[in-house]
N, C-alpha and C. Protein backbone atom coordinates (compact mmCIF):
# COMPACT_ATOMS: atom_id res chain seq x y z
N UNK A 1 22.83 -11.30 -12.34
CA UNK A 1 22.80 -10.16 -11.91
C UNK A 1 24.02 -9.93 -10.88
N UNK A 2 24.82 -8.86 -11.05
CA UNK A 2 25.82 -8.63 -10.11
C UNK A 2 25.40 -8.38 -8.74
N UNK A 3 26.09 -8.84 -7.72
CA UNK A 3 25.62 -8.66 -6.37
C UNK A 3 25.68 -7.14 -5.96
N UNK A 4 26.47 -6.32 -6.60
CA UNK A 4 26.51 -4.88 -6.16
C UNK A 4 25.18 -4.27 -6.57
N UNK A 5 24.37 -4.81 -7.38
CA UNK A 5 23.17 -4.21 -7.68
C UNK A 5 21.91 -4.79 -6.93
N UNK A 6 22.19 -5.76 -6.04
CA UNK A 6 21.14 -6.35 -5.23
C UNK A 6 20.76 -5.31 -4.15
N UNK A 7 19.49 -5.12 -3.99
CA UNK A 7 19.00 -4.27 -2.85
C UNK A 7 17.99 -5.16 -2.05
N UNK A 8 18.20 -5.28 -0.81
CA UNK A 8 17.31 -6.01 0.03
C UNK A 8 15.87 -5.60 -0.05
N UNK A 9 15.04 -6.58 -0.29
CA UNK A 9 13.50 -6.37 -0.38
C UNK A 9 13.17 -5.69 -1.69
N UNK A 10 14.04 -5.49 -2.67
CA UNK A 10 13.60 -4.84 -3.76
C UNK A 10 12.75 -5.81 -4.64
N UNK A 11 11.48 -5.30 -5.08
CA UNK A 11 10.51 -6.21 -5.61
C UNK A 11 10.86 -7.01 -6.89
N UNK A 12 11.65 -6.27 -7.78
CA UNK A 12 11.92 -6.86 -9.08
C UNK A 12 13.39 -6.55 -9.41
N UNK A 13 14.26 -7.32 -8.87
CA UNK A 13 15.73 -7.02 -9.05
C UNK A 13 16.18 -6.89 -10.49
N UNK A 14 15.38 -7.29 -11.44
CA UNK A 14 15.80 -7.13 -12.84
C UNK A 14 15.57 -5.76 -13.28
N UNK A 15 14.79 -5.07 -12.59
CA UNK A 15 14.48 -3.48 -12.86
C UNK A 15 14.88 -2.63 -11.78
N UNK A 16 16.09 -2.77 -11.21
CA UNK A 16 16.64 -1.92 -10.21
C UNK A 16 16.67 -0.55 -10.60
N UNK A 17 16.18 0.33 -9.74
CA UNK A 17 16.25 1.89 -10.03
C UNK A 17 17.16 2.40 -8.91
N UNK A 18 17.85 3.57 -9.24
CA UNK A 18 18.72 4.15 -8.16
C UNK A 18 17.78 4.76 -7.04
N UNK A 19 16.73 5.28 -7.31
CA UNK A 19 15.85 6.01 -6.35
C UNK A 19 14.60 5.20 -6.19
N UNK A 20 14.39 4.60 -5.01
CA UNK A 20 13.09 3.82 -4.81
C UNK A 20 12.95 3.74 -3.27
N UNK A 21 11.68 3.60 -2.80
CA UNK A 21 11.34 3.48 -1.44
C UNK A 21 10.37 2.40 -1.32
N UNK A 22 10.55 1.41 -0.44
CA UNK A 22 9.66 0.36 -0.17
C UNK A 22 8.51 0.96 0.77
N UNK A 23 7.33 0.46 0.40
CA UNK A 23 6.18 0.86 1.27
C UNK A 23 5.77 -0.28 2.31
N UNK A 24 6.71 -1.32 2.36
CA UNK A 24 6.38 -2.50 3.17
C UNK A 24 6.39 -1.87 4.63
N UNK A 25 5.67 -2.54 5.44
CA UNK A 25 5.61 -2.14 6.92
C UNK A 25 4.08 -1.92 7.42
N UNK A 26 3.98 -1.25 8.58
CA UNK A 26 2.67 -1.06 9.12
C UNK A 26 1.73 0.01 8.41
N UNK A 27 0.61 -0.40 8.12
CA UNK A 27 -0.44 0.45 7.52
C UNK A 27 -1.62 0.39 8.34
N UNK A 28 -2.48 1.46 8.35
CA UNK A 28 -3.85 1.34 8.87
C UNK A 28 -4.60 0.60 7.85
N UNK A 29 -5.68 -0.18 8.48
CA UNK A 29 -6.41 -1.02 7.70
C UNK A 29 -7.82 -1.15 8.13
N UNK A 30 -8.79 -1.37 7.21
CA UNK A 30 -10.22 -1.47 7.57
C UNK A 30 -10.92 -2.28 6.58
N UNK A 31 -11.84 -3.12 7.02
CA UNK A 31 -12.66 -3.90 6.22
C UNK A 31 -13.90 -2.98 5.85
N UNK A 32 -14.38 -3.18 4.58
CA UNK A 32 -15.49 -2.43 4.14
C UNK A 32 -16.50 -3.31 3.51
N UNK A 33 -17.01 -4.24 4.24
CA UNK A 33 -17.95 -5.18 3.68
C UNK A 33 -19.21 -4.60 3.09
N UNK A 34 -19.66 -3.43 3.68
CA UNK A 34 -20.93 -2.77 3.12
C UNK A 34 -20.55 -1.85 1.92
N UNK A 35 -19.31 -1.78 1.54
CA UNK A 35 -18.86 -0.87 0.43
C UNK A 35 -19.33 0.49 0.58
N UNK A 36 -19.10 1.02 1.82
CA UNK A 36 -19.56 2.40 2.14
C UNK A 36 -18.46 3.41 2.32
N UNK A 37 -17.20 2.86 2.01
CA UNK A 37 -16.00 3.78 2.26
C UNK A 37 -15.98 4.99 1.37
N UNK A 38 -16.23 4.84 0.08
CA UNK A 38 -16.23 5.97 -0.83
C UNK A 38 -17.27 6.91 -0.46
N UNK A 39 -18.56 6.51 -0.21
CA UNK A 39 -19.60 7.33 0.07
C UNK A 39 -19.32 8.11 1.43
N UNK A 40 -18.73 7.51 2.36
CA UNK A 40 -18.42 8.08 3.60
C UNK A 40 -17.11 8.79 3.68
N UNK A 41 -16.45 8.79 2.49
CA UNK A 41 -15.19 9.60 2.29
C UNK A 41 -14.07 9.13 3.26
N UNK A 42 -13.85 7.72 3.36
CA UNK A 42 -12.80 7.26 4.03
C UNK A 42 -11.43 7.69 3.48
N UNK A 43 -11.50 8.09 2.24
CA UNK A 43 -10.21 8.59 1.59
C UNK A 43 -9.72 9.81 2.29
N UNK A 44 -10.52 10.53 2.94
CA UNK A 44 -10.02 11.74 3.75
C UNK A 44 -9.45 11.39 4.99
N UNK A 45 -9.90 10.47 5.67
CA UNK A 45 -9.29 9.90 6.89
C UNK A 45 -9.97 8.56 7.17
N UNK A 46 -9.13 7.52 7.19
CA UNK A 46 -9.61 6.19 7.25
C UNK A 46 -10.22 5.81 8.56
N UNK A 47 -9.65 6.22 9.70
CA UNK A 47 -10.00 5.74 10.92
C UNK A 47 -9.91 4.24 10.98
N UNK A 48 -8.74 3.73 10.52
CA UNK A 48 -8.57 2.25 10.44
C UNK A 48 -8.63 1.71 11.76
N UNK A 49 -9.36 0.64 12.01
CA UNK A 49 -9.39 0.09 13.24
C UNK A 49 -8.39 -1.06 13.52
N UNK A 50 -7.68 -1.39 12.38
CA UNK A 50 -6.69 -2.48 12.49
C UNK A 50 -5.36 -1.89 11.86
N UNK A 51 -4.23 -2.67 12.16
CA UNK A 51 -2.87 -2.42 11.65
C UNK A 51 -2.66 -3.65 10.89
N UNK A 52 -2.10 -3.44 9.70
CA UNK A 52 -1.58 -4.56 8.84
C UNK A 52 -0.12 -4.43 8.43
N UNK A 53 0.62 -5.54 8.30
CA UNK A 53 1.92 -5.49 7.89
C UNK A 53 1.94 -5.82 6.42
N UNK A 54 2.18 -4.79 5.58
CA UNK A 54 2.39 -4.95 4.15
C UNK A 54 3.76 -5.55 3.86
N UNK A 55 3.97 -6.52 3.12
CA UNK A 55 3.25 -6.76 1.89
C UNK A 55 2.25 -8.10 2.13
N UNK A 56 1.97 -8.40 3.37
CA UNK A 56 1.13 -9.54 3.57
C UNK A 56 -0.39 -9.37 3.54
N UNK A 57 -1.09 -10.32 3.01
CA UNK A 57 -2.59 -10.07 2.89
C UNK A 57 -3.17 -10.33 4.30
N UNK A 58 -4.40 -9.73 4.51
CA UNK A 58 -5.04 -9.79 5.76
C UNK A 58 -5.30 -11.21 6.24
N UNK A 59 -5.29 -12.15 5.24
CA UNK A 59 -5.60 -13.57 5.56
C UNK A 59 -4.48 -14.30 6.33
N UNK A 60 -3.28 -13.77 6.17
CA UNK A 60 -2.08 -14.40 6.71
C UNK A 60 -1.75 -13.95 8.15
N UNK A 61 -1.24 -14.82 8.89
CA UNK A 61 -0.78 -14.45 10.30
C UNK A 61 0.35 -13.37 10.21
N UNK A 62 1.12 -13.50 9.27
CA UNK A 62 2.20 -12.51 9.15
C UNK A 62 1.78 -11.12 8.99
N UNK A 63 0.50 -10.85 8.53
CA UNK A 63 -0.10 -9.56 8.32
C UNK A 63 -0.42 -8.87 9.71
N UNK A 64 -0.53 -9.77 10.65
CA UNK A 64 -0.93 -9.22 11.98
C UNK A 64 -2.38 -9.24 12.27
N UNK A 65 -3.16 -9.73 11.14
CA UNK A 65 -4.63 -9.85 11.28
C UNK A 65 -5.06 -11.20 11.23
N UNK A 66 -4.69 -12.12 10.20
CA UNK A 66 -4.97 -13.48 10.21
C UNK A 66 -6.51 -13.74 10.03
N UNK A 67 -7.23 -12.96 9.36
CA UNK A 67 -8.74 -13.06 9.17
C UNK A 67 -8.92 -13.89 7.88
N UNK A 68 -9.47 -15.08 7.91
CA UNK A 68 -9.59 -15.93 6.78
C UNK A 68 -10.92 -15.77 6.09
N UNK A 69 -11.86 -14.99 6.58
CA UNK A 69 -13.13 -14.75 6.02
C UNK A 69 -12.90 -13.81 4.74
N UNK A 70 -13.64 -14.04 3.71
CA UNK A 70 -13.58 -13.24 2.58
C UNK A 70 -14.21 -11.90 2.84
N UNK A 71 -13.54 -10.82 2.42
CA UNK A 71 -14.08 -9.52 2.58
C UNK A 71 -13.93 -8.77 1.23
N UNK A 72 -14.96 -8.35 0.52
CA UNK A 72 -14.88 -7.93 -0.85
C UNK A 72 -14.23 -6.40 -0.99
N UNK A 73 -14.21 -5.75 0.09
CA UNK A 73 -13.60 -4.38 -0.05
C UNK A 73 -12.77 -4.25 1.20
N UNK A 74 -11.60 -3.74 1.01
CA UNK A 74 -10.68 -3.40 2.18
C UNK A 74 -10.01 -2.08 1.80
N UNK A 75 -9.55 -1.35 2.87
CA UNK A 75 -8.92 -0.17 2.72
C UNK A 75 -7.64 -0.10 3.50
N UNK A 76 -6.54 0.54 2.80
CA UNK A 76 -5.26 0.70 3.46
C UNK A 76 -4.94 2.18 3.48
N UNK A 77 -4.20 2.63 4.55
CA UNK A 77 -3.79 4.00 4.53
C UNK A 77 -2.39 4.03 5.19
N UNK A 78 -1.71 4.99 4.60
CA UNK A 78 -0.36 5.18 5.16
C UNK A 78 0.11 6.58 4.84
N UNK A 79 0.76 7.22 5.83
CA UNK A 79 1.40 8.56 5.47
C UNK A 79 2.73 8.31 4.99
N UNK A 80 3.18 9.10 4.03
CA UNK A 80 4.45 8.90 3.34
C UNK A 80 5.12 10.16 3.21
N UNK A 81 6.43 10.27 3.61
CA UNK A 81 7.15 11.50 3.35
C UNK A 81 8.12 11.25 2.29
N UNK A 82 8.11 12.06 1.26
CA UNK A 82 9.04 11.85 0.15
C UNK A 82 10.32 12.76 0.51
N UNK A 83 11.47 12.19 0.02
CA UNK A 83 12.58 12.97 0.22
C UNK A 83 12.64 14.32 -0.46
N UNK A 84 13.21 15.28 0.07
CA UNK A 84 13.11 16.65 -0.48
C UNK A 84 13.75 16.62 -2.00
N UNK A 85 14.81 15.71 -2.22
CA UNK A 85 15.30 15.75 -3.50
C UNK A 85 14.39 15.24 -4.57
N UNK A 86 13.19 14.77 -4.22
CA UNK A 86 12.19 14.33 -5.18
C UNK A 86 11.24 15.48 -5.57
N UNK A 87 11.28 16.56 -4.96
CA UNK A 87 10.32 17.71 -5.22
C UNK A 87 10.56 18.03 -6.76
N UNK A 88 9.27 18.12 -7.38
CA UNK A 88 9.27 18.49 -8.76
C UNK A 88 9.62 17.39 -9.70
N UNK A 89 9.97 16.30 -9.15
CA UNK A 89 10.21 14.98 -10.05
C UNK A 89 8.91 14.16 -10.11
N UNK A 90 8.84 13.33 -11.14
CA UNK A 90 7.82 12.36 -11.33
C UNK A 90 8.02 11.32 -10.32
N UNK A 91 6.92 10.81 -9.64
CA UNK A 91 6.95 9.76 -8.68
C UNK A 91 6.04 8.74 -9.14
N UNK A 92 6.50 7.47 -9.22
CA UNK A 92 5.66 6.40 -9.61
C UNK A 92 5.28 5.54 -8.38
N UNK A 93 4.07 5.26 -8.26
CA UNK A 93 3.54 4.32 -7.18
C UNK A 93 3.14 3.10 -7.82
N UNK A 94 3.70 1.93 -7.28
CA UNK A 94 3.47 0.70 -7.96
C UNK A 94 2.91 -0.33 -6.90
N UNK A 95 1.83 -0.95 -7.24
CA UNK A 95 1.33 -2.03 -6.45
C UNK A 95 1.30 -3.22 -7.13
N UNK A 96 1.68 -4.26 -6.34
CA UNK A 96 1.73 -5.65 -6.94
C UNK A 96 0.72 -6.53 -6.24
N UNK A 97 0.21 -7.46 -6.86
CA UNK A 97 -0.66 -8.46 -6.39
C UNK A 97 -2.01 -7.90 -5.93
N UNK A 98 -2.54 -6.81 -6.62
CA UNK A 98 -3.87 -6.33 -6.41
C UNK A 98 -4.73 -7.39 -7.04
N UNK A 99 -5.69 -7.96 -6.26
CA UNK A 99 -6.53 -9.00 -6.72
C UNK A 99 -7.41 -8.74 -7.79
N UNK A 100 -8.09 -7.66 -7.86
CA UNK A 100 -9.01 -7.32 -8.97
C UNK A 100 -8.92 -5.81 -9.27
N UNK A 101 -9.28 -4.94 -8.36
CA UNK A 101 -9.34 -3.57 -8.68
C UNK A 101 -8.77 -2.77 -7.50
N UNK A 102 -7.98 -1.74 -7.78
CA UNK A 102 -7.60 -0.85 -6.67
C UNK A 102 -7.86 0.58 -7.15
N UNK A 103 -8.43 1.35 -6.07
CA UNK A 103 -8.50 2.73 -6.28
C UNK A 103 -7.54 3.43 -5.34
N UNK A 104 -6.87 4.42 -5.83
CA UNK A 104 -5.79 5.12 -5.03
C UNK A 104 -6.06 6.55 -4.84
N UNK A 105 -6.02 7.03 -3.66
CA UNK A 105 -6.09 8.48 -3.36
C UNK A 105 -4.73 8.99 -2.70
N UNK A 106 -4.32 10.05 -3.18
CA UNK A 106 -3.13 10.66 -2.63
C UNK A 106 -3.50 12.08 -2.00
N UNK A 107 -3.31 12.22 -0.80
CA UNK A 107 -3.69 13.45 -0.07
C UNK A 107 -5.18 13.61 -0.21
N UNK A 108 -5.99 12.60 -0.18
CA UNK A 108 -7.35 12.69 -0.23
C UNK A 108 -8.01 12.88 -1.57
N UNK A 109 -7.23 13.17 -2.61
CA UNK A 109 -7.67 13.18 -3.97
C UNK A 109 -7.47 11.84 -4.76
N UNK A 110 -8.45 11.63 -5.57
CA UNK A 110 -8.45 10.31 -6.35
C UNK A 110 -7.35 10.43 -7.38
N UNK A 111 -6.46 9.47 -7.37
CA UNK A 111 -5.33 9.50 -8.32
C UNK A 111 -5.49 8.42 -9.52
N UNK A 112 -6.25 7.41 -9.24
CA UNK A 112 -6.56 6.51 -10.36
C UNK A 112 -7.00 5.11 -9.89
């Protein structure tokens, strides 16, 4: 790959796109050991009691959490501002390294 196509932190350099935005960085985070988040509608407002550094898992020190106990359900939340030039365009949200299942809400509405 030519170096002029290299973009720092780009997740898959073999598929470089002109327009992309990394979601790495600080997110609100909450453990949901009782699996009550959906019932209590955490998708509308998480009230995350922790901050996590994505792309690191909560088990790692680099995440800012460093909790090594298994937690079956966890929630992440982040506000995202899309550039105005993306209005009306298709936007793809890509997650890597989801362990088993991920449910995603956008603006409080279930997306998939």
